[in-house]
Protein backbone atom coordinates (compact mmCIF):
# COMPACT_ATOMS: atom_id res chain seq x y z
CA MET A 1 -0.01 -0.01 -0.07
CA ASN A 2 3.07 2.20 0.22
CA GLY A 3 2.71 3.35 -3.38
CA LEU A 4 -1.04 4.28 -3.14
CA CYS A 5 -2.28 7.74 -2.42
CA ALA A 6 -4.03 8.21 0.96
CA ASP A 7 -7.54 7.83 -0.32
CA PHE A 8 -6.92 4.56 -2.13
CA GLY A 9 -4.70 3.36 0.79
CA ASP A 10 -7.50 4.00 3.23
CA TYR A 11 -9.93 2.11 1.04
CA LEU A 12 -7.57 -0.89 0.88
CA GLN A 13 -7.23 -0.85 4.56
CA HIS A 14 -11.02 -0.89 4.89
CA ALA A 15 -11.20 -3.77 2.51
CA ARG A 16 -8.66 -5.69 4.59
CA VAL A 17 -10.02 -4.99 8.02
CA GLN A 18 -13.88 -4.39 7.53
CA GLN A 19 -14.51 -6.48 4.46
CA ARG A 20 -11.91 -9.11 5.54
CA LEU A 21 -11.00 -9.84 1.89
CA SER A 22 -8.44 -12.60 1.30
CA PRO A 23 -4.79 -11.72 0.78
CA ARG A 24 -5.17 -12.85 -2.87
CA THR A 25 -8.15 -10.63 -3.49
CA LEU A 26 -6.46 -7.76 -1.72
CA ARG A 27 -3.52 -8.03 -4.12
CA VAL A 28 -5.94 -7.85 -7.06
CA TYR A 29 -7.43 -4.71 -5.55
CA GLU A 30 -4.08 -3.16 -4.92
CA ASP A 31 -2.87 -3.75 -8.40
CA GLY A 32 -6.13 -2.37 -9.86
CA LEU A 33 -5.90 0.80 -7.67
CA GLU A 34 -2.25 1.22 -8.70
CA ARG A 35 -3.24 1.03 -12.31
CA LEU A 36 -5.88 3.64 -11.81
CA GLN A 37 -3.46 5.81 -10.00
CA THR A 38 -1.06 5.66 -12.95
CA LEU A 39 -3.88 6.62 -15.28
CA LEU A 40 -4.75 9.59 -13.08
CA ALA A 41 -1.20 10.80 -12.79
CA GLY A 42 -0.73 10.47 -16.54
CA GLY A 43 -3.73 12.81 -17.04
CA GLY A 44 -2.77 15.19 -14.25
CA ILE A 45 -5.96 14.32 -12.38
CA GLU A 46 -6.44 14.21 -8.54
CA PRO A 47 -8.30 11.11 -7.44
CA ARG A 48 -11.13 13.12 -5.91
CA ALA A 49 -11.46 15.29 -9.09
CA LEU A 50 -12.15 12.32 -11.45
CA GLY A 51 -15.14 12.94 -13.62
CA ILE A 52 -17.43 10.58 -15.60
CA ALA A 53 -15.95 11.54 -18.98
CA GLN A 54 -12.36 10.96 -17.81
CA ALA A 55 -13.48 7.52 -16.32
CA ARG A 56 -14.93 6.58 -19.63
CA ARG A 57 -11.66 7.53 -21.34
CA PHE A 58 -9.68 5.25 -18.89
CA ALA A 59 -11.98 2.35 -19.70
CA ALA A 60 -11.49 2.91 -23.47
CA GLN A 61 -7.73 3.15 -22.89
CA LEU A 62 -7.75 -0.29 -21.26
CA HIS A 63 -9.57 -1.65 -24.29
CA ARG A 64 -7.02 -0.01 -26.61
CA GLU A 65 -4.23 -1.60 -24.59
CA GLY A 66 -5.54 -4.94 -25.49
CA LEU A 67 -7.16 -6.09 -22.19
CA GLY A 68 -10.00 -8.45 -22.55
CA PRO A 69 -13.63 -7.76 -21.47
CA LYS A 70 -13.17 -9.89 -18.27
CA SER A 71 -10.02 -8.04 -17.27
CA ILE A 72 -11.57 -4.60 -17.92
CA ALA A 73 -14.73 -5.69 -16.01
CA LEU A 74 -12.61 -6.68 -12.96
CA LEU A 75 -10.73 -3.39 -12.91
CA LEU A 76 -13.94 -1.35 -13.26
CA SER A 77 -15.40 -3.31 -10.33
CA VAL A 78 -12.44 -2.54 -8.19
CA TRP A 79 -12.54 1.16 -9.09
CA ARG A 80 -16.27 1.38 -8.65
CA SER A 81 -16.04 -0.15 -5.21
CA ALA A 82 -13.28 2.28 -4.18
CA TYR A 83 -15.21 5.36 -5.27
CA ARG A 84 -18.40 4.02 -3.68
CA TRP A 85 -16.49 3.90 -0.36
CA LEU A 86 -14.95 7.33 -0.94
CA GLY A 87 -18.56 8.65 -1.54
CA LEU A 88 -19.82 7.16 1.71
CA GLN A 89 -16.83 8.82 3.45
CA GLY A 90 -17.89 12.14 1.96
CA ARG A 91 -14.59 12.37 0.05
CA VAL A 92 -16.24 12.49 -3.41
CA ALA A 93 -19.57 13.87 -4.63
CA LEU A 94 -20.18 11.17 -7.23
CA ASN A 95 -18.90 7.82 -8.38
CA PRO A 96 -17.59 8.28 -11.90
CA PHE A 97 -17.67 4.49 -12.56
CA ASP A 98 -21.37 4.02 -11.80
CA GLY A 99 -23.07 2.59 -14.84
CA LEU A 100 -19.78 2.14 -16.75
CA LYS A 101 -19.59 -1.34 -18.17
CA ALA A 102 -16.82 -3.38 -19.86
CA PRO A 103 -17.34 -4.30 -23.47
CA LYS A 104 -19.19 -7.63 -23.89
CA ALA A 105 -17.11 -10.66 -24.23
CA PRO A 106 -17.66 -12.39 -27.64
CA LYS A 107 -19.62 -15.60 -27.34
CA PRO A 108 -17.39 -18.58 -27.67
CA LEU A 109 -17.62 -20.38 -30.90
CA PRO A 110 -19.52 -23.69 -30.73
CA LYS A 111 -17.01 -26.64 -30.71
CA ALA A 112 -17.14 -28.87 -33.77
CA LEU A 113 -15.32 -31.94 -34.71
CA GLY A 114 -13.27 -32.30 -37.81
CA VAL A 115 -14.82 -34.10 -40.71
CA ASP A 116 -12.58 -37.20 -40.28
CA ASP A 117 -13.20 -37.28 -36.53
CA ALA A 118 -17.02 -37.11 -36.99
CA VAL A 119 -16.99 -39.86 -39.51
CA GLN A 120 -14.69 -41.98 -37.36
CA LEU A 121 -17.03 -41.55 -34.36
CA ALA A 122 -20.04 -42.51 -36.36
CA SER A 123 -18.48 -45.55 -38.03
CA HIS A 124 -16.43 -46.83 -35.20
CA VAL A 125 -17.06 -50.39 -34.06
CA PRO A 126 -16.06 -51.10 -30.42
CA ASP A 127 -13.75 -53.98 -29.86
CA ASP A 128 -15.78 -55.47 -27.13
CA ILE A 129 -19.51 -55.34 -27.91
CA ALA A 130 -21.52 -56.45 -24.89
CA ASP A 131 -24.88 -56.38 -26.71
CA SER A 132 -24.95 -56.01 -30.48
CA ARG A 133 -28.47 -54.72 -30.28
CA LEU A 134 -27.40 -51.69 -28.11
CA GLU A 135 -24.49 -51.13 -30.50
CA ALA A 136 -27.00 -50.92 -33.42
CA ARG A 137 -28.92 -48.41 -31.37
CA ASP A 138 -25.94 -46.29 -30.49
CA ARG A 139 -24.64 -46.23 -34.12
CA ALA A 140 -27.98 -45.22 -35.36
CA MET A 141 -28.30 -42.37 -32.77
CA VAL A 142 -24.85 -41.03 -33.63
CA GLU A 143 -25.63 -41.07 -37.27
CA LEU A 144 -28.81 -39.14 -36.80
CA LEU A 145 -27.16 -36.55 -34.57
CA TYR A 146 -24.43 -35.84 -37.08
CA GLY A 147 -26.29 -36.72 -40.31
CA ALA A 148 -29.44 -34.72 -39.57
CA GLY A 149 -28.17 -32.16 -37.03
CA LEU A 150 -30.76 -33.05 -34.47
CA ARG A 151 -30.83 -31.66 -30.97
CA SER A 152 -30.58 -34.21 -28.12
CA ALA A 153 -34.20 -33.73 -27.06
CA GLU A 154 -35.37 -34.04 -30.69
CA LEU A 155 -33.51 -37.32 -31.07
CA ILE A 156 -34.82 -38.81 -27.86
CA GLY A 157 -38.36 -37.67 -28.68
CA LEU A 158 -38.52 -39.58 -31.92
CA ASP A 159 -41.17 -42.30 -32.14
CA ALA A 160 -40.94 -45.46 -34.13
CA GLN A 161 -44.21 -44.75 -35.91
CA ALA A 162 -45.81 -41.52 -37.21
CA SER A 163 -48.82 -40.51 -35.20
CA GLY A 164 -50.85 -37.46 -34.07
CA SER A 165 -49.16 -37.59 -30.63
CA ALA A 166 -45.63 -38.25 -31.85
CA ALA A 167 -43.14 -35.40 -31.29
CA GLY A 168 -41.10 -36.77 -34.25
CA TRP A 169 -40.50 -39.78 -36.42
CA VAL A 170 -38.37 -41.03 -39.28
CA ASP A 171 -39.82 -41.62 -42.73
CA LEU A 172 -37.47 -44.15 -44.18
CA PRO A 173 -39.23 -44.48 -47.64
CA SER A 174 -39.00 -40.64 -48.09
CA MET A 175 -35.57 -40.39 -46.43
CA GLU A 176 -36.71 -37.70 -44.03
CA VAL A 177 -36.71 -37.01 -40.35
CA HIS A 178 -39.60 -35.01 -38.89
CA VAL A 179 -39.10 -33.35 -35.55
CA LEU A 180 -40.73 -30.96 -33.07
CA GLY A 181 -38.06 -28.32 -32.39
CA LYS A 182 -37.82 -25.36 -30.07
CA GLY A 183 -40.89 -23.28 -29.73
CA GLY A 184 -43.17 -26.05 -31.00
CA LYS A 185 -41.92 -25.58 -34.53
CA ARG A 186 -41.91 -28.70 -36.85
CA ARG A 187 -39.35 -29.19 -39.45
CA SER A 188 -38.18 -31.89 -41.76
CA THR A 189 -34.67 -32.70 -42.61
CA PRO A 190 -33.22 -35.14 -45.13
CA LEU A 191 -31.96 -38.49 -44.04
CA GLY A 192 -28.50 -39.44 -45.33
CA ARG A 193 -27.62 -42.87 -46.65
CA ALA A 194 -25.40 -43.84 -43.72
CA ALA A 195 -28.00 -42.84 -41.21
CA ALA A 196 -30.84 -44.72 -43.08
CA GLU A 197 -28.62 -47.89 -43.09
CA ALA A 198 -27.93 -47.50 -39.38
CA LEU A 199 -31.61 -47.00 -38.71
CA ARG A 200 -32.70 -50.06 -40.66
CA ALA A 201 -30.03 -52.14 -38.68
CA TRP A 202 -31.48 -50.82 -35.37
CA LEU A 203 -35.19 -51.33 -36.45
CA ALA A 204 -34.33 -54.95 -37.25
CA VAL A 205 -33.58 -55.63 -33.56
CA ARG A 206 -35.44 -52.91 -31.81
CA GLY A 207 -38.47 -55.26 -31.13
CA GLU A 208 -36.25 -57.47 -29.03
CA LEU A 209 -35.60 -54.67 -26.54
CA ALA A 210 -38.63 -52.31 -26.69
CA ALA A 211 -41.25 -52.91 -24.00
CA PRO A 212 -44.85 -53.74 -25.26
CA GLY A 213 -46.63 -50.56 -26.41
CA GLU A 214 -43.42 -48.44 -26.15
CA PRO A 215 -43.65 -45.74 -28.96
CA ALA A 216 -40.09 -44.52 -28.62
CA LEU A 217 -37.73 -45.12 -31.57
CA PHE A 218 -34.71 -45.38 -29.36
CA VAL A 219 -35.09 -47.47 -26.21
CA GLY A 220 -32.76 -48.37 -23.23
CA ALA A 221 -31.90 -51.80 -21.91
CA ARG A 222 -35.20 -51.79 -19.92
CA GLY A 223 -37.17 -51.25 -23.01
CA HIS A 224 -38.38 -47.63 -22.56
CA ARG A 225 -37.45 -44.39 -24.13
CA VAL A 226 -33.64 -43.79 -23.81
CA ALA A 227 -32.66 -41.06 -21.38
CA GLY A 228 -30.48 -38.09 -21.98
CA SER A 229 -27.86 -39.20 -19.57
CA THR A 230 -27.58 -42.51 -21.33
CA LEU A 231 -27.09 -40.68 -24.67
CA ARG A 232 -24.40 -38.48 -23.22
CA ALA A 233 -22.56 -41.21 -21.49
CA MET A 234 -22.65 -43.30 -24.67
CA LEU A 235 -21.22 -40.57 -26.81
CA SER A 236 -18.37 -39.81 -24.28
CA ALA A 237 -17.37 -43.39 -24.07
CA ARG A 238 -17.56 -43.87 -27.87
CA ALA A 239 -15.45 -40.81 -28.50
CA VAL A 240 -12.78 -42.16 -26.18
CA ALA A 241 -12.84 -45.53 -27.91
CA ALA A 242 -12.74 -44.00 -31.38
CA GLY A 243 -9.70 -41.77 -30.38
CA THR A 244 -11.66 -38.54 -30.94
CA PRO A 245 -9.44 -35.71 -29.59
CA ALA A 246 -12.28 -33.97 -27.78
CA HIS A 247 -14.92 -34.41 -25.17
CA VAL A 248 -18.01 -35.14 -27.36
CA HIS A 249 -21.58 -34.26 -26.35
CA PRO A 250 -24.84 -34.47 -28.34
CA HIS A 251 -24.76 -30.75 -29.33
CA MET A 252 -21.24 -31.04 -30.66
CA LEU A 253 -22.45 -33.33 -33.25
CA ARG A 254 -25.12 -30.78 -34.27
CA HIS A 255 -22.47 -28.11 -34.55
CA SER A 256 -20.33 -30.41 -36.54
CA PHE A 257 -23.33 -31.06 -38.87
CA ALA A 258 -23.82 -27.35 -39.50
CA SER A 259 -20.17 -26.51 -39.83
CA HIS A 260 -19.27 -29.21 -42.39
CA LEU A 261 -22.46 -28.46 -44.37
CA LEU A 262 -21.68 -24.82 -44.60
CA GLN A 263 -18.00 -25.56 -45.59
CA SER A 264 -19.28 -27.68 -48.41
CA SER A 265 -22.29 -25.68 -49.64
CA GLY A 266 -21.79 -22.10 -48.45
CA ASP A 267 -25.53 -21.84 -48.32
CA LEU A 268 -26.30 -20.22 -44.93
CA ARG A 269 -30.03 -20.03 -45.36
CA ALA A 270 -30.31 -23.68 -46.20
CA VAL A 271 -28.24 -24.55 -42.95
CA GLN A 272 -30.67 -22.24 -41.07
CA GLU A 273 -33.73 -24.26 -42.25
CA LEU A 274 -32.12 -27.58 -41.52
CA LEU A 275 -31.25 -26.52 -38.01
CA GLY A 276 -34.59 -25.01 -37.43
CA HIS A 277 -33.20 -21.66 -36.27
CA ALA A 278 -35.84 -18.87 -36.17
CA HIS A 279 -33.23 -16.13 -36.99
CA ILE A 280 -30.51 -16.22 -39.52
CA THR A 281 -28.26 -14.44 -36.89
CA THR A 282 -28.26 -17.61 -34.82
CA THR A 283 -26.85 -19.48 -37.71
CA GLN A 284 -24.30 -17.00 -38.68
CA VAL A 285 -21.94 -18.18 -35.98
CA TYR A 286 -21.01 -21.09 -38.19
CA THR A 287 -19.75 -18.74 -40.80
CA GLN A 288 -16.92 -17.97 -38.24
CA LEU A 289 -16.25 -21.69 -37.91
CA ASP A 290 -16.01 -21.78 -41.66
CA HIS A 291 -13.49 -18.91 -41.69
CA GLN A 292 -11.46 -20.76 -39.11
CA HIS A 293 -11.46 -23.72 -41.43
CA LEU A 294 -10.34 -21.62 -44.33
CA ALA A 295 -7.63 -20.01 -42.17
CA ARG A 296 -6.22 -23.43 -41.18
CA ILE A 297 -6.16 -24.56 -44.79
CA TYR A 298 -4.38 -21.31 -45.79
CA ASP A 299 -1.84 -21.52 -42.98
CA ALA A 300 -1.07 -25.21 -43.79
CA ALA A 301 -0.97 -24.91 -47.61
CA HIS A 302 0.07 -21.36 -48.79
CA PRO A 303 3.82 -21.00 -49.20
CA ARG A 304 3.59 -17.40 -48.00
CA ALA A 305 1.49 -18.01 -44.97
CA LYS A 306 4.40 -18.99 -42.76
CA LYS A 307 6.92 -16.43 -41.37
């Protein structure tokens, strides 16, 4: 605290004694206040004279220096807390950091498998198959998730036969999957050859596992509709067995479906329809994935890409 001005030093003492912050948190606060003090000194501003416009410039300067949204948000929180306390002490008339927010962090891109990894996951045959019927079911589920871009709930909700009460079903003669998506919206998506073959293999043995009268297309070992936890555990174990370099979950296969389709077709509107997105902006995230793919190809192949 030796390098801090009296006001900031007093606040840090308050945080240590009254708020009983941990030593690690206190160090974060001290670093943050030292940074603010440097900015104030650089602008020839006394701590008690800091105004709203100057505080905004400080936040913008952090952004220009390359700090990420989370780091900026942490600093603003420290500064806001310090000036809130100074206000309670009657040392400042206003808190210049009230209402000042850090820039929003970009949403992380959805994780997608590479094409080879996705195909390997779908076609992988385990070395030790305990029940060939469940293996047929598992392969059909993976093929539908990746081949039709279904959500986990949409896959689990499929019935073996079309009916007025069915949330979804597969029409093998027409090579289509009909599902009830988010917001109660129905959509149809094409069924690929590999998925159709896997489904036929599963349907050939489904009757041996399904309980009498069970409408679900995919059933568990006890004969009733497969649970989401079963699907997630199966995918995780299958990915390990197939040597997939990622923790695989159902939605990752949906992301992979969208990304690979966009890479091949470039038709964003078609991908939107196949995914059942209400707004094109939801689908546009996959254009960033596509750009990443192109960047990797460029970096690996272009003779002028490497320094």
